[in-house]
Amino acid sequence: MTARPGSEDRPPLLLLPPSEGKEPGGRPPGRAGSFDGELGGARAAVVAELARVVAGAAPDRQAALLGVRGELLDRALASVSDLADGCAPVLPAWRRYTGVVWSALDPASLDVADRRRILVPSGLYGVTTALDPVADYRLKLSVALGGLGRLSAFWRPAVTAALVRRARGRTVIDLLPAEHAAAIDVEALGRAVPLVTVRFVSASGDRAVGHEAKAAKGRLARAVLEGGVEAAARFRWEGWRARRDAAGIVCTAPGR
């Protein structure tokens, strides 16, 4: 997409998924997040419905809803209880998320301003920045949650509006998988701001998955934060190569 006047003058924003892996613990809640005013009511509705559904569910249903079993399920259920009571410990999102993408990004070495440019859709919060306080939760956007329905559809209007307001005058780089992109009206966001989608593909052109693809995504995200949109288009790392195409940017895995 052609940049609109002024959009190239401000550093781009980055849409990045959360991770399944999460650092436990944290500090008592208190500090407000970037989107609390816009999304606070919807977040409260999700927490209330999550607590209601979990309380009335059999263990197998709880495991399916939260996507974990065993000790991780016990941890997730404790988190739901704490969220419902308003006392769930929190960490900044950049410290909470510990998966491959985030490890490759290495957010601890980023400036505060760069962490603020990372926007993270999620089933519990709708969207946060990487600086915002996040609990130790388990809740995918693909889950259908009681009366709220599928969370991606529930969140889509509010998250899209919040992103349009936040991104005004900036380019947005989209590194989201399908589950998280479903929480955004991508066409509406693309009409409001320059939106560049990055796709990760195998050497044969199929969608790239697995540890290596996630690591490449984290490294490319770092390149965007340090060098802007053109750094994404020029990205090279361990055989991965990015280039522009008609749909945005495609990053191809090394051939075998």
C-alpha atoms as a PDB file:
ATOM      1  CA  MET A   1       0.000   0.000   0.000  1.00  0.00           C
ATOM      2  CA  THR A   2       1.193   3.511  -0.785  1.00  0.00           C
ATOM      3  CA  ALA A   3       1.951   5.530   2.331  1.00  0.00           C
ATOM      4  CA  ARG A   4      -0.387   8.432   2.966  1.00  0.00           C
ATOM      5  CA  PRO A   5       0.997  11.909   3.623  1.00  0.00           C
ATOM      6  CA  GLY A   6       2.626  12.020   7.038  1.00  0.00           C
ATOM      7  CA  SER A   7       2.460   8.273   7.677  1.00  0.00           C
ATOM      8  CA  GLU A   8       6.119   7.803   6.765  1.00  0.00           C
ATOM      9  CA  ASP A   9       7.220  10.547   9.193  1.00  0.00           C
ATOM     10  CA  ARG A  10       6.288   8.636  12.358  1.00  0.00           C
ATOM     11  CA  PRO A  11       7.635   5.200  13.311  1.00  0.00           C
ATOM     12  CA  PRO A  12       5.292   2.358  12.313  1.00  0.00           C
ATOM     13  CA  LEU A  13       3.144   0.401  14.745  1.00  0.00           C
ATOM     14  CA  LEU A  14       3.438  -3.366  14.894  1.00  0.00           C
ATOM     15  CA  LEU A  15       0.661  -5.937  15.334  1.00  0.00           C
ATOM     16  CA  LEU A  16       2.155  -8.968  17.094  1.00  0.00           C
ATOM     17  CA  PRO A  17       0.413 -12.022  18.594  1.00  0.00           C
ATOM     18  CA  PRO A  18       0.653 -12.954  22.285  1.00  0.00           C
ATOM     19  CA  SER A  19       2.233 -16.277  23.226  1.00  0.00           C
ATOM     20  CA  GLU A  20       1.011 -19.461  24.856  1.00  0.00           C
ATOM     21  CA  GLY A  21       4.092 -19.414  27.057  1.00  0.00           C
ATOM     22  CA  LYS A  22       3.745 -16.937  29.914  1.00  0.00           C
ATOM     23  CA  GLU A  23       5.885 -15.896  32.842  1.00  0.00           C
ATOM     24  CA  PRO A  24       3.990 -16.638  36.103  1.00  0.00           C
ATOM     25  CA  GLY A  25       3.444 -14.249  38.976  1.00  0.00           C
ATOM     26  CA  GLY A  26       3.640 -10.491  38.960  1.00  0.00           C
ATOM     27  CA  ARG A  27       2.711  -7.521  41.061  1.00  0.00           C
ATOM     28  CA  PRO A  28      -0.699  -6.400  42.369  1.00  0.00           C
ATOM     29  CA  PRO A  29      -2.828  -4.662  39.743  1.00  0.00           C
ATOM     30  CA  GLY A  30      -3.002  -0.902  39.782  1.00  0.00           C
ATOM     31  CA  ARG A  31      -1.379   0.866  36.837  1.00  0.00           C
ATOM     32  CA  ALA A  32      -3.792   1.606  34.008  1.00  0.00           C
ATOM     33  CA  GLY A  33      -3.188   0.213  30.546  1.00  0.00           C
ATOM     34  CA  SER A  34      -3.273   2.118  27.272  1.00  0.00           C
ATOM     35  CA  PHE A  35      -6.749   0.924  26.243  1.00  0.00           C
ATOM     36  CA  ASP A  36      -8.447   0.648  29.647  1.00  0.00           C
ATOM     37  CA  GLY A  37     -10.806   3.539  28.972  1.00  0.00           C
ATOM     38  CA  GLU A  38     -11.911   2.247  25.581  1.00  0.00           C
ATOM     39  CA  LEU A  39     -12.057  -1.475  26.311  1.00  0.00           C
ATOM     40  CA  GLY A  40     -12.622  -1.668  30.069  1.00  0.00           C
ATOM     41  CA  GLY A  41     -16.317  -2.505  29.827  1.00  0.00           C
ATOM     42  CA  ALA A  42     -15.781  -5.262  27.268  1.00  0.00           C
ATOM     43  CA  ARG A  43     -12.904  -6.691  29.307  1.00  0.00           C
ATOM     44  CA  ALA A  44     -15.107  -6.837  32.406  1.00  0.00           C
ATOM     45  CA  ALA A  45     -17.773  -8.673  30.386  1.00  0.00           C
ATOM     46  CA  VAL A  46     -15.217 -11.248  29.203  1.00  0.00           C
ATOM     47  CA  VAL A  47     -13.913 -11.844  32.733  1.00  0.00           C
ATOM     48  CA  ALA A  48     -17.434 -12.207  34.156  1.00  0.00           C
ATOM     49  CA  GLU A  49     -18.510 -14.642  31.427  1.00  0.00           C
ATOM     50  CA  LEU A  50     -15.270 -16.594  31.671  1.00  0.00           C
ATOM     51  CA  ALA A  51     -15.688 -17.000  35.437  1.00  0.00           C
ATOM     52  CA  ARG A  52     -19.339 -18.035  35.003  1.00  0.00           C
ATOM     53  CA  VAL A  53     -18.645 -20.622  32.317  1.00  0.00           C
ATOM     54  CA  VAL A  54     -15.610 -22.082  34.080  1.00  0.00           C
ATOM     55  CA  ALA A  55     -17.468 -22.383  37.392  1.00  0.00           C
ATOM     56  CA  GLY A  56     -20.242 -24.443  35.805  1.00  0.00           C
ATOM     57  CA  ALA A  57     -18.051 -26.653  33.611  1.00  0.00           C
ATOM     58  CA  ALA A  58     -16.746 -30.176  34.118  1.00  0.00           C
ATOM     59  CA  PRO A  59     -12.951 -30.576  34.221  1.00  0.00           C
ATOM     60  CA  ASP A  60     -12.749 -31.754  30.588  1.00  0.00           C
ATOM     61  CA  ARG A  61     -14.755 -28.737  29.455  1.00  0.00           C
ATOM     62  CA  GLN A  62     -12.559 -26.425  31.534  1.00  0.00           C
ATOM     63  CA  ALA A  63      -9.468 -27.937  29.904  1.00  0.00           C
ATOM     64  CA  ALA A  64     -10.925 -27.473  26.415  1.00  0.00           C
ATOM     65  CA  LEU A  65     -11.983 -23.888  27.135  1.00  0.00           C
ATOM     66  CA  LEU A  66      -8.629 -22.835  28.565  1.00  0.00           C
ATOM     67  CA  GLY A  67      -6.498 -24.988  26.252  1.00  0.00           C
ATOM     68  CA  VAL A  68      -4.384 -26.618  28.982  1.00  0.00           C
ATOM     69  CA  ARG A  69      -4.388 -29.649  31.275  1.00  0.00           C
ATOM     70  CA  GLY A  70      -2.721 -30.822  34.468  1.00  0.00           C
ATOM     71  CA  GLU A  71      -0.731 -28.258  36.417  1.00  0.00           C
ATOM     72  CA  LEU A  72      -1.222 -25.626  33.719  1.00  0.00           C
ATOM     73  CA  LEU A  73      -4.992 -26.047  34.065  1.00  0.00           C
ATOM     74  CA  ASP A  74      -4.751 -25.566  37.832  1.00  0.00           C
ATOM     75  CA  ARG A  75      -2.728 -22.413  37.217  1.00  0.00           C
ATOM     76  CA  ALA A  76      -5.232 -21.154  34.632  1.00  0.00           C
ATOM     77  CA  LEU A  77      -8.209 -21.783  36.953  1.00  0.00           C
ATOM     78  CA  ALA A  78      -6.489 -19.896  39.756  1.00  0.00           C
ATOM     79  CA  SER A  79      -5.948 -17.007  37.360  1.00  0.00           C
ATOM     80  CA  VAL A  80      -9.635 -16.956  36.411  1.00  0.00           C
ATOM     81  CA  SER A  81     -10.550 -16.772  40.096  1.00  0.00           C
ATOM     82  CA  ASP A  82      -8.092 -13.926  40.682  1.00  0.00           C
ATOM     83  CA  LEU A  83      -9.341 -12.051  37.615  1.00  0.00           C
ATOM     84  CA  ALA A  84     -12.933 -12.334  38.824  1.00  0.00           C
ATOM     85  CA  ASP A  85     -11.885 -11.009  42.244  1.00  0.00           C
ATOM     86  CA  GLY A  86      -9.898  -8.154  40.670  1.00  0.00           C
ATOM     87  CA  CYS A  87      -6.632  -9.232  42.280  1.00  0.00           C
ATOM     88  CA  ALA A  88      -4.803 -11.101  39.491  1.00  0.00           C
ATOM     89  CA  PRO A  89      -1.066 -10.282  39.570  1.00  0.00           C
ATOM     90  CA  VAL A  90       0.147  -8.491  36.440  1.00  0.00           C
ATOM     91  CA  LEU A  91       3.339  -8.002  34.477  1.00  0.00           C
ATOM     92  CA  PRO A  92       3.998  -5.778  31.468  1.00  0.00           C
ATOM     93  CA  ALA A  93       3.031  -7.749  28.367  1.00  0.00           C
ATOM     94  CA  TRP A  94       6.628  -7.767  27.133  1.00  0.00           C
ATOM     95  CA  ARG A  95       7.634  -9.592  30.311  1.00  0.00           C
ATOM     96  CA  ARG A  96       4.553 -11.838  30.485  1.00  0.00           C
ATOM     97  CA  TYR A  97       4.866 -13.352  27.001  1.00  0.00           C
ATOM     98  CA  THR A  98       7.745 -15.818  26.752  1.00  0.00           C
ATOM     99  CA  GLY A  99       7.104 -17.754  23.524  1.00  0.00           C
ATOM    100  CA  VAL A 100       9.442 -18.155  20.559  1.00  0.00           C
ATOM    101  CA  VAL A 101       8.321 -14.959  18.773  1.00  0.00           C
ATOM    102  CA  TRP A 102       8.868 -12.862  21.875  1.00  0.00           C
ATOM    103  CA  SER A 103      12.176 -14.504  22.751  1.00  0.00           C
ATOM    104  CA  ALA A 104      13.468 -13.780  19.245  1.00  0.00           C
ATOM    105  CA  LEU A 105      12.220 -10.188  19.522  1.00  0.00           C
ATOM    106  CA  ASP A 106      14.179  -9.707  22.793  1.00  0.00           C
ATOM    107  CA  PRO A 107      11.892  -6.957  24.141  1.00  0.00           C
ATOM    108  CA  ALA A 108      13.997  -6.425  27.273  1.00  0.00           C
ATOM    109  CA  SER A 109      16.615  -4.677  25.126  1.00  0.00           C
ATOM    110  CA  LEU A 110      14.108  -2.391  23.370  1.00  0.00           C
ATOM    111  CA  ASP A 111      13.478   1.221  24.314  1.00  0.00           C
ATOM    112  CA  VAL A 112      10.245   1.993  26.155  1.00  0.00           C
ATOM    113  CA  ALA A 113       9.001   3.946  23.117  1.00  0.00           C
ATOM    114  CA  ASP A 114       9.515   0.886  20.906  1.00  0.00           C
ATOM    115  CA  ARG A 115       7.641  -1.400  23.291  1.00  0.00           C
ATOM    116  CA  ARG A 116       4.772   1.078  23.190  1.00  0.00           C
ATOM    117  CA  ARG A 117       4.559   0.625  19.406  1.00  0.00           C
ATOM    118  CA  ILE A 118       3.846  -3.115  19.736  1.00  0.00           C
ATOM    119  CA  LEU A 119       0.092  -3.833  19.723  1.00  0.00           C
ATOM    120  CA  VAL A 120      -1.074  -7.267  20.882  1.00  0.00           C
ATOM    121  CA  PRO A 121      -4.618  -8.624  20.277  1.00  0.00           C
ATOM    122  CA  SER A 122      -5.805 -11.176  22.838  1.00  0.00           C
ATOM    123  CA  GLY A 123      -8.906 -13.017  23.979  1.00  0.00           C
ATOM    124  CA  LEU A 124      -8.881 -11.506  27.465  1.00  0.00           C
ATOM    125  CA  TYR A 125      -7.878  -7.897  26.782  1.00  0.00           C
ATOM    126  CA  GLY A 126      -8.944  -7.213  23.195  1.00  0.00           C
ATOM    127  CA  VAL A 127      -5.694  -5.367  22.503  1.00  0.00           C
ATOM    128  CA  THR A 128      -2.831  -4.033  24.623  1.00  0.00           C
ATOM    129  CA  THR A 129       0.558  -2.503  24.006  1.00  0.00           C
ATOM    130  CA  ALA A 130       3.656  -4.450  25.033  1.00  0.00           C
ATOM    131  CA  LEU A 131       3.963  -2.061  28.011  1.00  0.00           C
ATOM    132  CA  ASP A 132       0.475  -2.659  29.403  1.00  0.00           C
ATOM    133  CA  PRO A 133      -0.128  -4.805  32.521  1.00  0.00           C
ATOM    134  CA  VAL A 134      -1.272  -8.330  31.669  1.00  0.00           C
ATOM    135  CA  ALA A 135      -2.372 -11.157  33.961  1.00  0.00           C
ATOM    136  CA  ASP A 136      -1.247 -14.790  33.701  1.00  0.00           C
ATOM    137  CA  TYR A 137      -4.240 -15.881  31.600  1.00  0.00           C
ATOM    138  CA  ARG A 138      -5.280 -18.630  29.199  1.00  0.00           C
ATOM    139  CA  LEU A 139      -7.957 -17.634  26.682  1.00  0.00           C
ATOM    140  CA  LYS A 140      -7.723 -17.910  22.914  1.00  0.00           C
ATOM    141  CA  LEU A 141      -9.541 -15.617  20.517  1.00  0.00           C
ATOM    142  CA  SER A 142     -10.875 -18.698  18.727  1.00  0.00           C
ATOM    143  CA  VAL A 143     -12.857 -19.780  21.812  1.00  0.00           C
ATOM    144  CA  ALA A 144     -16.661 -19.450  21.876  1.00  0.00           C
ATOM    145  CA  LEU A 145     -17.352 -18.100  25.365  1.00  0.00           C
ATOM    146  CA  GLY A 146     -20.941 -18.605  26.552  1.00  0.00           C
ATOM    147  CA  GLY A 147     -23.245 -15.734  25.728  1.00  0.00           C
ATOM    148  CA  LEU A 148     -20.463 -13.659  24.184  1.00  0.00           C
ATOM    149  CA  GLY A 149     -19.917 -16.084  21.317  1.00  0.00           C
ATOM    150  CA  ARG A 150     -16.596 -16.453  19.543  1.00  0.00           C
ATOM    151  CA  LEU A 151     -14.209 -13.963  21.106  1.00  0.00           C
ATOM    152  CA  SER A 152     -12.647 -12.841  17.824  1.00  0.00           C
ATOM    153  CA  ALA A 153     -16.086 -11.707  16.620  1.00  0.00           C
ATOM    154  CA  PHE A 154     -16.973 -10.221  20.015  1.00  0.00           C
ATOM    155  CA  TRP A 155     -13.832  -8.089  20.060  1.00  0.00           C
ATOM    156  CA  ARG A 156     -13.701  -7.091  16.388  1.00  0.00           C
ATOM    157  CA  PRO A 157     -15.722  -3.827  16.437  1.00  0.00           C
ATOM    158  CA  ALA A 158     -14.114  -2.398  19.585  1.00  0.00           C
ATOM    159  CA  VAL A 159     -10.576  -3.509  18.758  1.00  0.00           C
ATOM    160  CA  THR A 160     -10.796  -2.179  15.209  1.00  0.00           C
ATOM    161  CA  ALA A 161     -12.038   1.203  16.421  1.00  0.00           C
ATOM    162  CA  ALA A 162      -9.301   1.357  19.080  1.00  0.00           C
ATOM    163  CA  LEU A 163      -6.612   0.528  16.532  1.00  0.00           C
ATOM    164  CA  VAL A 164      -7.882   3.105  14.033  1.00  0.00           C
ATOM    165  CA  ARG A 165      -7.689   5.798  16.720  1.00  0.00           C
ATOM    166  CA  ARG A 166      -4.259   4.686  17.925  1.00  0.00           C
ATOM    167  CA  ALA A 167      -2.755   4.297  14.441  1.00  0.00           C
ATOM    168  CA  ARG A 168      -3.944   7.564  12.905  1.00  0.00           C
ATOM    169  CA  GLY A 169      -1.061   9.050  10.922  1.00  0.00           C
ATOM    170  CA  ARG A 170       1.096   5.909  11.108  1.00  0.00           C
ATOM    171  CA  THR A 171       1.778   2.811   9.060  1.00  0.00           C
ATOM    172  CA  VAL A 172       0.782  -0.483  10.694  1.00  0.00           C
ATOM    173  CA  ILE A 173       2.796  -3.662  10.091  1.00  0.00           C
ATOM    174  CA  ASP A 174       0.619  -6.768  10.517  1.00  0.00           C
ATOM    175  CA  LEU A 175       2.443  -9.898  11.756  1.00  0.00           C
ATOM    176  CA  LEU A 176      -0.662 -11.668  13.040  1.00  0.00           C
ATOM    177  CA  PRO A 177      -1.672 -15.285  12.389  1.00  0.00           C
ATOM    178  CA  ALA A 178      -5.258 -15.904  11.291  1.00  0.00           C
ATOM    179  CA  GLU A 179      -6.613 -16.466  14.822  1.00  0.00           C
ATOM    180  CA  HIS A 180      -5.548 -13.005  15.975  1.00  0.00           C
ATOM    181  CA  ALA A 181      -6.213 -11.202  12.695  1.00  0.00           C
ATOM    182  CA  ALA A 182      -9.827 -12.374  13.044  1.00  0.00           C
ATOM    183  CA  ALA A 183     -10.230  -9.920  15.952  1.00  0.00           C
ATOM    184  CA  ILE A 184      -9.688  -7.003  13.550  1.00  0.00           C
ATOM    185  CA  ASP A 185     -11.695  -5.734  10.590  1.00  0.00           C
ATOM    186  CA  VAL A 186      -8.585  -5.631   8.428  1.00  0.00           C
ATOM    187  CA  GLU A 187     -10.335  -3.936   5.514  1.00  0.00           C
ATOM    188  CA  ALA A 188     -11.605  -1.128   7.754  1.00  0.00           C
ATOM    189  CA  LEU A 189      -8.193  -0.667   9.332  1.00  0.00           C
ATOM    190  CA  GLY A 190      -6.574  -0.632   5.885  1.00  0.00           C
ATOM    191  CA  ARG A 191      -8.970   2.068   4.716  1.00  0.00           C
ATOM    192  CA  ALA A 192      -8.054   4.240   7.702  1.00  0.00           C
ATOM    193  CA  VAL A 193      -4.257   3.841   7.766  1.00  0.00           C
ATOM    194  CA  PRO A 194      -1.505   2.332   5.609  1.00  0.00           C
ATOM    195  CA  LEU A 195      -1.500  -1.377   6.492  1.00  0.00           C
ATOM    196  CA  VAL A 196       1.330  -3.714   5.448  1.00  0.00           C
ATOM    197  CA  THR A 197       0.720  -7.438   5.947  1.00  0.00           C
ATOM    198  CA  VAL A 198       3.718  -9.758   6.296  1.00  0.00           C
ATOM    199  CA  ARG A 199       3.302 -13.423   5.333  1.00  0.00           C
ATOM    200  CA  PHE A 200       5.733 -16.204   6.209  1.00  0.00           C
ATOM    201  CA  VAL A 201       5.924 -18.999   3.655  1.00  0.00           C
ATOM    202  CA  SER A 202       7.968 -22.134   3.061  1.00  0.00           C
ATOM    203  CA  ALA A 203      10.358 -22.491   0.129  1.00  0.00           C
ATOM    204  CA  SER A 204       7.494 -24.178  -1.768  1.00  0.00           C
ATOM    205  CA  GLY A 205       5.128 -21.281  -1.100  1.00  0.00           C
ATOM    206  CA  ASP A 206       2.955 -22.894   1.591  1.00  0.00           C
ATOM    207  CA  ARG A 207       2.337 -21.151   4.900  1.00  0.00           C
ATOM    208  CA  ALA A 208       5.409 -21.516   7.114  1.00  0.00           C
ATOM    209  CA  VAL A 209       4.786 -22.871  10.614  1.00  0.00           C
ATOM    210  CA  GLY A 210       6.889 -24.125  13.489  1.00  0.00           C
ATOM    211  CA  HIS A 211       9.690 -22.879  15.684  1.00  0.00           C
ATOM    212  CA  GLU A 212      11.833 -21.475  12.851  1.00  0.00           C
ATOM    213  CA  ALA A 213       8.971 -19.450  11.377  1.00  0.00           C
ATOM    214  CA  LYS A 214       8.132 -18.011  14.801  1.00  0.00           C
ATOM    215  CA  ALA A 215      11.760 -17.101  15.401  1.00  0.00           C
ATOM    216  CA  ALA A 216      11.922 -15.394  11.996  1.00  0.00           C
ATOM    217  CA  LYS A 217       8.762 -13.448  12.876  1.00  0.00           C
ATOM    218  CA  GLY A 218      10.320 -12.198  16.101  1.00  0.00           C
ATOM    219  CA  ARG A 219      13.515 -11.173  14.331  1.00  0.00           C
ATOM    220  CA  LEU A 220      11.595  -9.393  11.568  1.00  0.00           C
ATOM    221  CA  ALA A 221       9.516  -7.579  14.201  1.00  0.00           C
ATOM    222  CA  ARG A 222      12.762  -6.375  15.752  1.00  0.00           C
ATOM    223  CA  ALA A 223      13.951  -5.160  12.331  1.00  0.00           C
ATOM    224  CA  VAL A 224      10.728  -3.165  11.869  1.00  0.00           C
ATOM    225  CA  LEU A 225      11.077  -1.484  15.259  1.00  0.00           C
ATOM    226  CA  GLU A 226      14.684  -0.560  14.554  1.00  0.00           C
ATOM    227  CA  GLY A 227      14.470   0.323  10.868  1.00  0.00           C
ATOM    228  CA  GLY A 228      10.852   0.828   9.792  1.00  0.00           C
ATOM    229  CA  VAL A 229       8.894  -0.644   6.904  1.00  0.00           C
ATOM    230  CA  GLU A 230      11.812  -0.799   4.491  1.00  0.00           C
ATOM    231  CA  ALA A 231      13.807  -2.856   7.000  1.00  0.00           C
ATOM    232  CA  ALA A 232      11.033  -5.459   6.835  1.00  0.00           C
ATOM    233  CA  ALA A 233      11.188  -5.541   3.050  1.00  0.00           C
ATOM    234  CA  ARG A 234      14.987  -6.005   3.165  1.00  0.00           C
ATOM    235  CA  PHE A 235      14.925  -8.556   6.013  1.00  0.00           C
ATOM    236  CA  ARG A 236      17.513 -11.340   5.837  1.00  0.00           C
ATOM    237  CA  TRP A 237      18.134 -13.850   8.630  1.00  0.00           C
ATOM    238  CA  GLU A 238      19.489 -17.394   8.626  1.00  0.00           C
ATOM    239  CA  GLY A 239      18.319 -17.990   5.073  1.00  0.00           C
ATOM    240  CA  TRP A 240      14.937 -16.272   5.461  1.00  0.00           C
ATOM    241  CA  ARG A 241      14.457 -13.538   2.853  1.00  0.00           C
ATOM    242  CA  ALA A 242      11.716 -10.908   2.645  1.00  0.00           C
ATOM    243  CA  ARG A 243      10.486  -9.012  -0.394  1.00  0.00           C
ATOM    244  CA  ARG A 244       7.551  -6.860  -1.341  1.00  0.00           C
ATOM    245  CA  ASP A 245       4.707  -8.261  -3.419  1.00  0.00           C
ATOM    246  CA  ALA A 246       1.243  -7.048  -4.414  1.00  0.00           C
ATOM    247  CA  ALA A 247      -0.254  -8.132  -1.069  1.00  0.00           C
ATOM    248  CA  GLY A 248       2.418  -6.605   1.207  1.00  0.00           C
ATOM    249  CA  ILE A 249       5.617  -8.369   2.251  1.00  0.00           C
ATOM    250  CA  VAL A 250       6.366 -12.067   1.923  1.00  0.00           C
ATOM    251  CA  CYS A 251       9.138 -13.676   3.972  1.00  0.00           C
ATOM    252  CA  THR A 252      10.343 -17.001   2.539  1.00  0.00           C
ATOM    253  CA  ALA A 253      12.048 -19.800   4.442  1.00  0.00           C
ATOM    254  CA  PRO A 254      15.377 -21.141   3.245  1.00  0.00           C
ATOM    255  CA  GLY A 255      15.159 -23.933   0.670  1.00  0.00           C
ATOM    256  CA  ARG A 256      16.038 -27.493   1.586  1.00  0.00           C
END
